Amino acid sequence: MKILVYGINFAPEPTGIGKYSGDMAAWLAAAGHEVRVIAAPPYYPAWSIAQGYSAWRHVKEHWHGVGVWRAPLWVPKRPTGATRVVHLLSFALLSIPILVRHLFWRPDVVLVVAPAFACAPAAWLAARLCGAKAWLHVQDFEVDAAFRLGLLNGRKRQRIVTAIEHWILRRFDRVSTISSRMLERLHLKGVQPSRVVAFPNWVDVNAIAPLPGPSAYRAELGIAPDAVVAMYSGSMAGKQGLDLLPEAARELARVIPNLIFVLCGDGVVKRNIEVQCADLHNVRLLPLQPVERLGELLNMADVHLLPQHPDVADLVMPSKLTGMLASGRPVLAIADPGTELARVVAPRGKVVPSDDLPAFVFALMELANNVSLRKRLGASARQYAEQHLARDTILSNFENALRDCVVPVRDPNVSTAAIEPQQ
């Protein structure tokens, strides 16, 4: 198949959507498909164009068997609701000339990844003009999240934007997303069940696995062998709800002297986190680490911390969760009962309600003081990753779904169980 991937984020961005889009494209290319990508220069999560790239130049490059066309975009220094909209629209508009040129390549599938949903209309039209199938993959429900988080406001504006979103969603041949609750949301937005596909995020369970011994990071950071490490690793943005972590570290500094918080990442709220942790001796701050050391990094933790803003609990699914589970460590998540995040984490860690610092501190104390509990929950986490999140299984199922979209399976003896939406 000839597959055109269209989205703002792509490798070598180390976290979030760019990481998964890059991994997907490279896997499909290795499987023998012709894959081309239209993306922005890497800028996330630092909100700064990566070294060696330009925000305003068109660049073509080859990456792991994939042709990548970089389109210009504007990156705000201080992202706000208004500047994020301009940022997304800048890529959506400035990438159109590259998209038009690819009509003559005649792809079989135009796969657009949201965010940025602003690219969806042009992607759908391009697919129709060149006879390709139009596929939309939803990593975040960014329209809903923008209004819930107050990045956009106004009831009239919300009604208009939501109506446009629903109309666009119903035009695509396939719409996929990453969790069962997000699949349900697609149904509520009017997408026909026959067009909905489950395409969860994944993890390389061979690259990220429990280590036989201590992580090298402990010695590098001067963390004692008997210390308990509670770690957050990932992007530092508003939807993560990270302000609670410095508060918890302050509460537990005297209660559990050997408990060390490691906060690793980058993003728009990192400076605030640094200020809040400036006088805390039990906190270590790290920048994002090289991808090749991700397994080593995640194995430094005894407990993984996963805060989440309550207003986006079922609009996004934290991409960092897959690596946490694969490392064989328990997860302490902030999520309200009944959310997808709570359903996944509860048997493999602890879940506390939003805005409940005492409950978070108590749960972390329980995990820090109980080695056998950590081992039991960590083993369950690893088992779940192996059974449900293995990269090759998920991407093979996705490849089958792509084929069925291009040339529908008509033989009644051929099973389509692998491509049906998860319920």
Protein backbone atom coordinates (compact mmCIF):
# COMPACT_ATOMS: atom_id res chain seq x y z
CA MET A 1 0.00 0.00 0.00
CA LYS A 2 0.94 3.63 -0.52
CA ILE A 3 0.25 5.40 2.76
CA LEU A 4 0.41 9.16 3.26
CA VAL A 5 0.63 10.17 6.93
CA TYR A 6 -0.34 13.77 7.63
CA GLY A 7 0.08 15.35 11.07
CA ILE A 8 1.88 18.12 12.89
CA ASN A 9 3.93 15.88 15.24
CA PHE A 10 6.46 13.31 14.09
CA ALA A 11 9.81 11.77 14.98
CA PRO A 12 12.34 12.58 16.27
CA GLU A 13 10.05 14.14 18.88
CA PRO A 14 10.73 11.95 21.93
CA THR A 15 7.29 11.96 23.57
CA GLY A 16 3.60 11.92 22.79
CA ILE A 17 2.05 11.79 19.34
CA GLY A 18 5.28 12.39 17.43
CA LYS A 19 6.87 9.33 18.99
CA TYR A 20 3.94 7.07 18.09
CA SER A 21 3.48 8.45 14.56
CA GLY A 22 7.17 7.93 13.88
CA ASP A 23 7.14 4.40 15.24
CA MET A 24 4.03 3.55 13.19
CA ALA A 25 5.46 4.93 9.94
CA ALA A 26 8.78 3.13 10.38
CA TRP A 27 7.02 -0.17 11.18
CA LEU A 28 4.78 0.08 8.11
CA ALA A 29 7.77 0.92 5.89
CA ALA A 30 9.67 -2.08 7.27
CA ALA A 31 6.62 -4.23 6.47
CA GLY A 32 7.00 -3.33 2.80
CA HIS A 33 4.59 -0.43 2.38
CA GLU A 34 5.46 2.87 0.70
CA VAL A 35 5.10 5.48 3.42
CA ARG A 36 5.36 9.24 3.11
CA VAL A 37 4.84 11.78 5.88
CA ILE A 38 3.88 15.45 5.91
CA ALA A 39 4.77 16.94 9.29
CA ALA A 40 6.14 20.01 11.03
CA PRO A 41 9.74 20.32 12.17
CA PRO A 42 10.14 18.75 15.62
CA TYR A 43 9.31 21.20 18.41
CA TYR A 44 7.42 19.29 21.13
CA PRO A 45 7.43 19.13 24.15
CA ALA A 46 9.85 22.06 24.55
CA TRP A 47 7.80 24.33 22.24
CA SER A 48 11.02 25.22 20.50
CA ILE A 49 12.22 24.13 17.05
CA ALA A 50 14.82 21.36 17.42
CA GLN A 51 18.41 22.06 16.53
CA GLY A 52 19.12 21.51 12.85
CA TYR A 53 15.57 22.40 11.75
CA SER A 54 13.90 25.64 10.68
CA ALA A 55 10.39 26.81 11.39
CA TRP A 56 10.05 28.45 7.97
CA ARG A 57 11.83 26.20 5.48
CA HIS A 58 10.38 23.33 3.49
CA VAL A 59 12.64 20.34 4.08
CA LYS A 60 12.57 16.81 2.68
CA GLU A 61 14.36 14.05 4.53
CA HIS A 62 14.49 10.26 4.80
CA TRP A 63 13.98 8.60 8.16
CA HIS A 64 13.95 4.82 8.72
CA GLY A 65 12.72 4.09 5.21
CA VAL A 66 10.12 6.87 5.30
CA GLY A 67 10.09 10.00 3.15
CA VAL A 68 9.33 13.01 5.37
CA TRP A 69 8.28 16.44 4.08
CA ARG A 70 8.56 19.17 6.72
CA ALA A 71 6.16 22.10 6.37
CA PRO A 72 6.61 25.49 8.05
CA LEU A 73 4.69 26.49 11.15
CA TRP A 74 4.65 29.17 13.83
CA VAL A 75 5.60 28.09 17.36
CA PRO A 76 4.56 30.45 20.17
CA LYS A 77 7.03 31.05 22.98
CA ARG A 78 4.21 31.05 25.53
CA PRO A 79 1.32 28.84 24.39
CA THR A 80 -2.13 30.12 25.31
CA GLY A 81 -5.56 29.24 23.98
CA ALA A 82 -5.39 31.84 21.22
CA THR A 83 -1.77 31.24 20.27
CA ARG A 84 -2.29 27.47 20.14
CA VAL A 85 -5.10 27.97 17.63
CA VAL A 86 -2.86 30.16 15.45
CA HIS A 87 -0.04 27.62 15.84
CA LEU A 88 -2.20 24.72 14.61
CA LEU A 89 -3.75 26.75 11.80
CA SER A 90 -0.32 27.89 10.61
CA PHE A 91 0.70 24.29 9.97
CA ALA A 92 -2.68 23.33 8.50
CA LEU A 93 -2.45 26.17 5.96
CA LEU A 94 1.28 26.12 5.18
CA SER A 95 1.30 22.34 4.64
CA ILE A 96 -1.43 22.44 1.97
CA PRO A 97 0.99 22.96 -0.97
CA ILE A 98 2.89 19.80 0.03
CA LEU A 99 -0.38 17.91 0.41
CA VAL A 100 -1.50 19.02 -3.08
CA ARG A 101 1.76 17.81 -4.63
CA HIS A 102 1.17 14.40 -3.08
CA LEU A 103 -2.12 14.02 -4.94
CA PHE A 104 -0.03 13.04 -7.97
CA TRP A 105 1.64 10.28 -5.95
CA ARG A 106 -1.85 8.75 -5.69
CA PRO A 107 -1.72 7.19 -2.21
CA ASP A 108 -4.09 4.38 -1.28
CA VAL A 109 -4.75 5.91 2.15
CA VAL A 110 -4.44 9.45 3.50
CA LEU A 111 -4.01 9.04 7.26
CA VAL A 112 -4.35 12.28 9.24
CA VAL A 113 -3.46 12.32 12.93
CA ALA A 114 -5.30 14.61 15.36
CA PRO A 115 -4.07 16.78 16.88
CA ALA A 116 -4.08 18.74 14.66
CA PHE A 117 -7.75 18.38 13.79
CA ALA A 118 -7.38 21.54 11.70
CA CYS A 119 -5.63 19.36 9.11
CA ALA A 120 -8.62 17.00 8.77
CA PRO A 121 -10.66 18.95 6.17
CA ALA A 122 -7.75 19.25 3.73
CA ALA A 123 -6.78 15.60 4.29
CA TRP A 124 -10.34 14.42 3.55
CA LEU A 125 -10.56 16.56 0.41
CA ALA A 126 -7.15 15.38 -0.80
CA ALA A 127 -8.19 11.75 -0.37
CA ARG A 128 -11.36 12.33 -2.36
CA LEU A 129 -9.51 14.13 -5.17
CA CYS A 130 -6.93 11.36 -5.67
CA GLY A 131 -9.25 8.39 -5.04
CA ALA A 132 -7.66 7.40 -1.74
CA LYS A 133 -9.39 6.29 1.44
CA ALA A 134 -9.57 8.94 4.16
CA TRP A 135 -8.55 7.81 7.66
CA LEU A 136 -8.56 10.01 10.77
CA HIS A 137 -6.69 8.84 13.87
CA VAL A 138 -7.69 10.68 17.06
CA GLN A 139 -5.01 10.77 19.75
CA ASP A 140 -6.72 13.61 21.65
CA PHE A 141 -10.19 15.10 21.39
CA GLU A 142 -8.57 18.50 21.18
CA VAL A 143 -11.77 20.45 20.53
CA ASP A 144 -13.46 19.13 23.67
CA ALA A 145 -10.26 19.51 25.70
CA ALA A 146 -9.75 23.11 24.58
CA PHE A 147 -13.18 24.14 25.89
CA ARG A 148 -12.95 22.10 29.09
CA LEU A 149 -9.55 23.52 29.97
CA GLY A 150 -10.67 27.06 29.17
CA LEU A 151 -8.23 27.46 26.26
CA LEU A 152 -11.31 28.33 24.21
CA ASN A 153 -14.59 29.60 25.62
CA GLY A 154 -18.05 30.81 24.71
CA ARG A 155 -21.16 28.65 24.31
CA LYS A 156 -21.98 29.91 20.84
CA ARG A 157 -18.44 29.33 19.67
CA GLN A 158 -18.46 25.86 21.19
CA ARG A 159 -21.70 24.94 19.40
CA ILE A 160 -20.33 26.10 16.06
CA VAL A 161 -16.94 24.42 16.41
CA THR A 162 -18.48 21.18 17.72
CA ALA A 163 -20.97 21.05 14.85
CA ILE A 164 -18.12 21.45 12.35
CA GLU A 165 -16.13 18.74 14.15
CA HIS A 166 -19.05 16.28 14.01
CA TRP A 167 -19.64 16.97 10.32
CA ILE A 168 -15.98 16.35 9.47
CA LEU A 169 -15.75 13.16 11.57
CA ARG A 170 -18.68 11.62 9.71
CA ARG A 171 -17.04 12.19 6.32
CA PHE A 172 -14.04 9.88 6.90
CA ASP A 173 -13.95 6.25 5.72
CA ARG A 174 -12.37 5.21 9.01
CA VAL A 175 -11.90 6.98 12.35
CA SER A 176 -9.65 5.33 14.92
CA THR A 177 -8.76 6.20 18.48
CA ILE A 178 -6.83 4.81 21.42
CA SER A 179 -9.21 3.76 24.23
CA SER A 180 -12.65 2.25 24.70
CA ARG A 181 -14.06 5.45 26.23
CA MET A 182 -12.75 7.47 23.29
CA LEU A 183 -14.35 4.96 20.92
CA GLU A 184 -17.65 5.52 22.71
CA ARG A 185 -17.17 9.25 22.26
CA LEU A 186 -16.79 8.79 18.51
CA HIS A 187 -20.13 6.99 18.46
CA LEU A 188 -21.71 9.90 20.36
CA LYS A 189 -20.29 12.29 17.80
CA GLY A 190 -22.17 10.45 15.06
CA VAL A 191 -19.48 8.25 13.52
CA GLN A 192 -20.98 4.99 12.25
CA PRO A 193 -19.80 1.97 14.28
CA SER A 194 -18.72 0.21 11.07
CA ARG A 195 -16.21 3.02 10.45
CA VAL A 196 -14.72 3.09 13.94
CA VAL A 197 -11.47 1.22 14.63
CA ALA A 198 -9.60 0.67 17.89
CA PHE A 199 -5.95 1.60 17.49
CA PRO A 200 -4.42 1.86 20.98
CA ASN A 201 -0.96 3.15 21.76
CA TRP A 202 1.67 0.48 22.22
CA VAL A 203 5.06 -0.28 23.67
CA ASP A 204 8.06 -2.34 22.58
CA VAL A 205 7.96 -4.86 25.42
CA ASN A 206 11.44 -6.08 24.51
CA ALA A 207 13.04 -2.64 24.64
CA ILE A 208 11.27 -1.68 27.88
CA ALA A 209 11.29 -4.54 30.37
CA PRO A 210 12.24 -5.05 34.03
CA LEU A 211 16.02 -5.03 34.49
CA PRO A 212 17.79 -7.82 36.42
CA GLY A 213 19.65 -5.25 38.51
CA PRO A 214 19.54 -1.59 39.59
CA SER A 215 19.21 1.10 36.93
CA ALA A 216 22.43 2.96 36.14
CA TYR A 217 20.54 6.20 36.71
CA ARG A 218 20.53 5.64 40.46
CA ALA A 219 24.31 5.84 40.67
CA GLU A 220 24.44 8.74 38.20
CA LEU A 221 22.01 10.76 40.33
CA GLY A 222 23.56 9.74 43.65
CA ILE A 223 20.42 7.94 44.83
CA ALA A 224 21.07 5.44 47.60
CA PRO A 225 20.38 1.75 46.85
CA ASP A 226 17.76 1.58 49.62
CA ALA A 227 15.92 4.73 48.49
CA VAL A 228 12.42 4.50 47.06
CA VAL A 229 12.05 6.42 43.79
CA ALA A 230 8.71 7.93 42.77
CA MET A 231 9.06 9.11 39.19
CA TYR A 232 7.19 11.18 36.65
CA SER A 233 8.59 11.10 33.13
CA GLY A 234 7.01 12.79 30.12
CA SER A 235 5.83 16.10 28.75
CA MET A 236 5.14 18.86 31.25
CA ALA A 237 1.98 20.55 30.00
CA GLY A 238 -1.20 21.93 31.54
CA LYS A 239 -3.29 18.81 30.97
CA GLN A 240 -0.92 16.74 33.12
CA GLY A 241 -1.89 18.45 36.38
CA LEU A 242 1.72 18.38 37.66
CA ASP A 243 1.39 21.01 40.40
CA LEU A 244 0.39 18.32 42.87
CA LEU A 245 3.79 16.59 42.70
CA PRO A 246 5.89 19.32 44.39
CA GLU A 247 3.19 19.59 47.07
CA ALA A 248 3.37 15.85 47.71
CA ALA A 249 7.16 15.95 47.84
CA ARG A 250 7.00 18.72 50.43
CA GLU A 251 4.48 16.77 52.54
CA LEU A 252 6.60 13.59 52.52
CA ALA A 253 10.08 15.11 52.91
CA ARG A 254 10.16 14.38 56.65
CA VAL A 255 7.69 11.51 56.81
CA ILE A 256 9.67 9.20 54.48
CA PRO A 257 13.27 10.50 54.32
CA ASN A 258 14.37 7.84 51.83
CA LEU A 259 11.63 8.67 49.30
CA ILE A 260 13.06 10.51 46.28
CA PHE A 261 10.94 12.19 43.61
CA VAL A 262 12.42 12.17 40.11
CA LEU A 263 10.65 14.52 37.68
CA CYS A 264 11.88 14.10 34.13
CA GLY A 265 10.61 15.98 31.11
CA ASP A 266 10.10 19.26 29.36
CA GLY A 267 7.19 21.55 28.49
CA VAL A 268 5.41 24.80 29.17
CA VAL A 269 4.96 24.28 32.92
CA LYS A 270 8.48 22.99 33.62
CA ARG A 271 9.68 26.37 34.85
CA ASN A 272 6.85 26.49 37.40
CA ILE A 273 7.80 23.00 38.61
CA GLU A 274 11.44 24.05 38.97
CA VAL A 275 10.46 27.06 41.09
CA GLN A 276 8.20 24.97 43.34
CA CYS A 277 10.94 22.36 43.86
CA ALA A 278 13.86 24.75 44.33
CA ASP A 279 14.13 24.17 48.11
CA LEU A 280 13.20 20.47 48.15
CA HIS A 281 16.12 18.12 48.86
CA ASN A 282 14.04 15.05 47.98
CA VAL A 283 13.42 16.04 44.34
CA ARG A 284 15.65 15.43 41.33
CA LEU A 285 14.83 17.26 38.08
CA LEU A 286 15.94 15.87 34.74
CA PRO A 287 15.50 16.98 31.13
CA LEU A 288 14.05 14.52 28.66
CA GLN A 289 16.44 11.61 28.26
CA PRO A 290 17.62 9.91 25.06
CA VAL A 291 15.12 7.41 23.64
CA GLU A 292 17.71 4.65 23.73
CA ARG A 293 17.89 5.03 27.51
CA LEU A 294 14.15 5.04 28.13
CA GLY A 295 14.11 1.48 29.48
CA GLU A 296 16.93 2.27 31.90
CA LEU A 297 15.17 5.46 32.99
CA LEU A 298 11.79 3.83 33.67
CA ASN A 299 13.47 1.04 35.62
CA MET A 300 14.88 3.60 38.04
CA ALA A 301 11.39 4.01 39.47
CA ASP A 302 9.87 2.00 42.29
CA VAL A 303 6.57 3.80 41.67
CA HIS A 304 5.46 5.66 38.54
CA LEU A 305 3.43 8.84 39.08
CA LEU A 306 0.68 9.69 36.60
CA PRO A 307 -1.21 12.89 37.40
CA GLN A 308 -3.93 13.94 34.95
CA HIS A 309 -6.12 17.02 34.73
CA PRO A 310 -9.68 15.87 35.61
CA ASP A 311 -11.30 17.85 32.81
CA VAL A 312 -9.58 15.77 30.11
CA ALA A 313 -9.74 12.35 31.77
CA ASP A 314 -11.67 10.66 28.95
CA LEU A 315 -10.61 12.98 26.14
CA VAL A 316 -7.00 11.77 26.12
CA MET A 317 -5.14 8.67 27.22
CA PRO A 318 -1.64 9.38 28.56
CA SER A 319 0.85 7.98 26.05
CA LYS A 320 3.45 7.57 28.78
CA LEU A 321 1.35 4.90 30.51
CA THR A 322 2.45 2.14 28.12
CA GLY A 323 6.12 2.43 29.08
CA MET A 324 5.28 2.65 32.78
CA LEU A 325 3.35 -0.62 32.64
CA ALA A 326 6.01 -2.38 30.53
CA SER A 327 8.71 -1.53 33.07
CA GLY A 328 6.96 -3.74 35.61
CA ARG A 329 6.41 -1.02 38.20
CA PRO A 330 3.15 0.01 39.91
CA VAL A 331 1.48 3.22 38.81
CA LEU A 332 -0.05 5.83 41.10
CA ALA A 333 -2.57 7.72 38.98
CA ILE A 334 -4.88 10.65 39.58
CA ALA A 335 -8.18 9.75 37.95
CA ASP A 336 -11.82 9.84 38.89
CA PRO A 337 -13.74 6.55 39.24
CA GLY A 338 -15.21 5.25 36.00
CA THR A 339 -12.65 6.88 33.71
CA GLU A 340 -10.60 4.83 31.26
CA LEU A 341 -7.38 5.69 33.06
CA ALA A 342 -8.78 4.45 36.38
CA ARG A 343 -9.98 1.21 34.76
CA VAL A 344 -6.55 0.41 33.34
CA VAL A 345 -4.45 1.45 36.35
CA ALA A 346 -6.53 0.23 39.31
CA PRO A 347 -5.52 -3.47 39.15
CA ARG A 348 -1.89 -2.50 38.55
CA GLY A 349 -1.37 0.32 41.01
CA LYS A 350 -3.31 2.90 42.96
CA VAL A 351 -5.88 5.41 41.75
CA VAL A 352 -6.85 8.49 43.75
CA PRO A 353 -9.47 11.14 42.92
CA SER A 354 -8.62 14.48 41.39
CA ASP A 355 -7.71 17.40 43.67
CA ASP A 356 -7.17 15.13 46.68
CA LEU A 357 -3.63 15.71 47.90
CA PRO A 358 -4.10 13.77 51.20
CA ALA A 359 -5.32 10.69 49.28
CA PHE A 360 -2.37 10.94 46.89
CA VAL A 361 0.13 11.26 49.75
CA PHE A 362 -1.45 8.34 51.63
CA ALA A 363 -1.40 6.07 48.56
CA LEU A 364 2.23 6.91 47.86
CA MET A 365 3.16 6.21 51.49
CA GLU A 366 1.44 2.83 51.25
CA LEU A 367 3.39 1.91 48.11
CA ALA A 368 6.70 3.28 49.41
CA ASN A 369 6.45 1.26 52.63
CA ASN A 370 5.30 -2.06 51.12
CA VAL A 371 7.84 -3.84 48.91
CA SER A 372 5.69 -6.94 48.38
CA LEU A 373 2.73 -4.81 47.27
CA ARG A 374 4.92 -3.00 44.74
CA LYS A 375 6.20 -6.30 43.36
CA ARG A 376 2.71 -7.78 43.02
CA LEU A 377 1.25 -4.72 41.29
CA GLY A 378 4.34 -4.33 39.11
CA ALA A 379 4.08 -7.93 37.92
CA SER A 380 0.44 -7.32 37.02
CA ALA A 381 1.44 -4.18 35.10
CA ARG A 382 4.05 -6.07 33.10
CA GLN A 383 1.60 -8.86 32.30
CA TYR A 384 -0.96 -6.35 31.03
CA ALA A 385 1.64 -4.70 28.78
CA GLU A 386 2.68 -8.03 27.30
CA GLN A 387 -0.90 -9.15 26.66
CA HIS A 388 -2.52 -5.91 25.48
CA LEU A 389 0.12 -3.34 24.50
CA ALA A 390 2.76 -5.25 22.50
CA ARG A 391 3.84 -3.16 19.52
CA ASP A 392 3.96 -5.84 16.83
CA THR A 393 0.51 -7.18 17.69
CA ILE A 394 -1.16 -3.76 17.67
CA LEU A 395 0.54 -2.58 14.49
CA SER A 396 -0.19 -5.89 12.70
CA ASN A 397 -3.88 -5.45 13.56
CA PHE A 398 -3.71 -1.87 12.32
CA GLU A 399 -2.08 -3.00 9.07
CA ASN A 400 -4.96 -5.46 8.56
CA ALA A 401 -7.45 -2.66 9.17
CA LEU A 402 -5.71 -0.48 6.59
CA ARG A 403 -5.88 -3.27 4.03
CA ASP A 404 -9.55 -3.85 4.70
CA CYS A 405 -10.22 -0.14 4.32
CA VAL A 406 -8.50 -0.08 0.92
CA VAL A 407 -9.84 -3.42 -0.32
CA PRO A 408 -12.69 -4.61 1.96
CA VAL A 409 -12.59 -8.25 3.03
CA ARG A 410 -15.32 -10.07 1.14
CA ASP A 411 -14.43 -13.72 1.76
CA PRO A 412 -16.78 -14.96 4.54
CA ASN A 413 -14.06 -17.41 5.60
CA VAL A 414 -11.66 -14.57 6.40
CA SER A 415 -11.93 -13.41 10.00
CA THR A 416 -12.05 -9.66 10.65
CA ALA A 417 -11.87 -10.00 14.45
CA ALA A 418 -8.47 -8.33 14.51
CA ILE A 419 -9.81 -5.13 12.99
CA GLU A 420 -13.12 -4.76 14.78
CA PRO A 421 -13.40 -1.96 17.36
CA GLN A 422 -12.80 -2.97 20.94
CA GLN A 423 -15.88 -2.75 23.14
